[in-house]
Amino acid sequence: MVENEELHDGNIYAETERDGLVRMITKVEGMGILDKEARRYFDMSGEEFIHAWESGQFDDDPDGPNVMYVALLIPLAK
């Protein structure tokens, strides 16, 4: 049985099995996570965020905490 460990702020911090092993997520699941967070922080889809990131639209503040948080999710979807 897999548990989503969500804290009161709604973020998913880990998906673990009851035995403590981390479950690998699929690219589809990764895109879902990226999409959720891109919409939450930037009001854009995950695909739109990837395009904006890769085209330099965040170059004015690439180290902003929200930008970095969502950008670090990109490998989950690609």
C-alpha atoms as a PDB file:
ATOM      1  CA  MET A   1       0.000   0.000   0.000  1.00  0.00           C
ATOM      2  CA  VAL A   2       1.395   3.391  -0.990  1.00  0.00           C
ATOM      3  CA  GLU A   3       0.924   6.418   1.212  1.00  0.00           C
ATOM      4  CA  ASN A   4       1.043  10.034   0.087  1.00  0.00           C
ATOM      5  CA  GLU A   5       2.626  11.924   2.919  1.00  0.00           C
ATOM      6  CA  GLU A   6       0.963  15.322   2.786  1.00  0.00           C
ATOM      7  CA  LEU A   7       1.466  17.970   5.408  1.00  0.00           C
ATOM      8  CA  HIS A   8      -1.087  20.621   6.237  1.00  0.00           C
ATOM      9  CA  ASP A   9       0.089  22.833   3.338  1.00  0.00           C
ATOM     10  CA  GLY A  10      -1.006  20.238   0.733  1.00  0.00           C
ATOM     11  CA  ASN A  11       2.452  19.523  -0.695  1.00  0.00           C
ATOM     12  CA  ILE A  12       3.360  15.916  -1.410  1.00  0.00           C
ATOM     13  CA  TYR A  13       6.736  15.337   0.192  1.00  0.00           C
ATOM     14  CA  ALA A  14       7.212  11.618  -0.365  1.00  0.00           C
ATOM     15  CA  GLU A  15       5.445   8.550  -1.567  1.00  0.00           C
ATOM     16  CA  THR A  16       6.509   5.566   0.466  1.00  0.00           C
ATOM     17  CA  GLU A  17       5.429   2.014   0.919  1.00  0.00           C
ATOM     18  CA  ARG A  18       4.585   0.816   4.418  1.00  0.00           C
ATOM     19  CA  ASP A  19       8.022  -0.809   4.589  1.00  0.00           C
ATOM     20  CA  GLY A  20       9.695   2.588   4.073  1.00  0.00           C
ATOM     21  CA  LEU A  21      10.850   2.026   0.498  1.00  0.00           C
ATOM     22  CA  VAL A  22      10.425   4.931  -1.895  1.00  0.00           C
ATOM     23  CA  ARG A  23       8.222   4.161  -4.898  1.00  0.00           C
ATOM     24  CA  MET A  24       9.428   5.364  -8.294  1.00  0.00           C
ATOM     25  CA  ILE A  25       6.942   7.554 -10.123  1.00  0.00           C
ATOM     26  CA  THR A  26       6.174   7.405 -13.821  1.00  0.00           C
ATOM     27  CA  LYS A  27       6.727  10.315 -16.225  1.00  0.00           C
ATOM     28  CA  VAL A  28       2.942  10.753 -16.368  1.00  0.00           C
ATOM     29  CA  GLU A  29       2.777  11.042 -12.578  1.00  0.00           C
ATOM     30  CA  GLY A  30       5.770  13.401 -12.670  1.00  0.00           C
ATOM     31  CA  MET A  31       4.039  15.624 -15.203  1.00  0.00           C
ATOM     32  CA  GLY A  32       0.975  15.652 -12.973  1.00  0.00           C
ATOM     33  CA  ILE A  33       3.061  16.887 -10.050  1.00  0.00           C
ATOM     34  CA  LEU A  34       4.809  19.499 -12.209  1.00  0.00           C
ATOM     35  CA  ASP A  35       1.488  20.612 -13.671  1.00  0.00           C
ATOM     36  CA  LYS A  36      -0.103  20.987 -10.233  1.00  0.00           C
ATOM     37  CA  GLU A  37       2.758  23.073  -8.883  1.00  0.00           C
ATOM     38  CA  ALA A  38       3.170  25.221 -12.026  1.00  0.00           C
ATOM     39  CA  ARG A  39      -0.529  26.057 -11.851  1.00  0.00           C
ATOM     40  CA  ARG A  40      -0.280  26.744  -8.123  1.00  0.00           C
ATOM     41  CA  TYR A  41       2.682  29.119  -8.336  1.00  0.00           C
ATOM     42  CA  PHE A  42       2.491  30.548 -11.876  1.00  0.00           C
ATOM     43  CA  ASP A  43      -1.038  29.945 -13.159  1.00  0.00           C
ATOM     44  CA  MET A  44       0.317  27.974 -16.128  1.00  0.00           C
ATOM     45  CA  SER A  45       0.406  24.307 -17.098  1.00  0.00           C
ATOM     46  CA  GLY A  46       3.447  22.121 -16.615  1.00  0.00           C
ATOM     47  CA  GLU A  47       4.086  22.155 -20.369  1.00  0.00           C
ATOM     48  CA  GLU A  48       3.848  25.945 -20.412  1.00  0.00           C
ATOM     49  CA  PHE A  49       6.284  26.148 -17.502  1.00  0.00           C
ATOM     50  CA  ILE A  50       8.798  23.890 -19.260  1.00  0.00           C
ATOM     51  CA  HIS A  51       8.582  26.031 -22.399  1.00  0.00           C
ATOM     52  CA  ALA A  52       8.942  29.251 -20.375  1.00  0.00           C
ATOM     53  CA  TRP A  53      11.917  27.827 -18.448  1.00  0.00           C
ATOM     54  CA  GLU A  54      13.701  26.564 -21.545  1.00  0.00           C
ATOM     55  CA  SER A  55      13.103  29.811 -23.478  1.00  0.00           C
ATOM     56  CA  GLY A  56      14.566  31.955 -20.679  1.00  0.00           C
ATOM     57  CA  GLN A  57      11.372  33.643 -19.522  1.00  0.00           C
ATOM     58  CA  PHE A  58      12.514  33.293 -15.901  1.00  0.00           C
ATOM     59  CA  ASP A  59      16.018  34.666 -16.523  1.00  0.00           C
ATOM     60  CA  ASP A  60      15.208  37.847 -14.593  1.00  0.00           C
ATOM     61  CA  ASP A  61      14.852  35.809 -11.361  1.00  0.00           C
ATOM     62  CA  PRO A  62      15.993  32.222 -11.977  1.00  0.00           C
ATOM     63  CA  ASP A  63      16.929  31.734  -8.323  1.00  0.00           C
ATOM     64  CA  GLY A  64      13.564  32.829  -6.942  1.00  0.00           C
ATOM     65  CA  PRO A  65      12.273  30.168  -4.557  1.00  0.00           C
ATOM     66  CA  ASN A  66       9.069  29.485  -6.491  1.00  0.00           C
ATOM     67  CA  VAL A  67      10.908  29.339  -9.813  1.00  0.00           C
ATOM     68  CA  MET A  68      13.533  26.948  -8.464  1.00  0.00           C
ATOM     69  CA  TYR A  69      10.957  24.783  -6.690  1.00  0.00           C
ATOM     70  CA  VAL A  70       8.956  24.220  -9.871  1.00  0.00           C
ATOM     71  CA  ALA A  71      12.038  24.017 -12.129  1.00  0.00           C
ATOM     72  CA  LEU A  72      13.447  21.209  -9.993  1.00  0.00           C
ATOM     73  CA  LEU A  73      10.320  19.195 -10.826  1.00  0.00           C
ATOM     74  CA  ILE A  74      11.018  19.279 -14.583  1.00  0.00           C
ATOM     75  CA  PRO A  75      13.161  16.084 -14.563  1.00  0.00           C
ATOM     76  CA  LEU A  76      10.189  14.204 -13.105  1.00  0.00           C
ATOM     77  CA  ALA A  77       8.265  14.921 -16.304  1.00  0.00           C
ATOM     78  CA  LYS A  78      10.977  14.527 -18.954  1.00  0.00           C
END
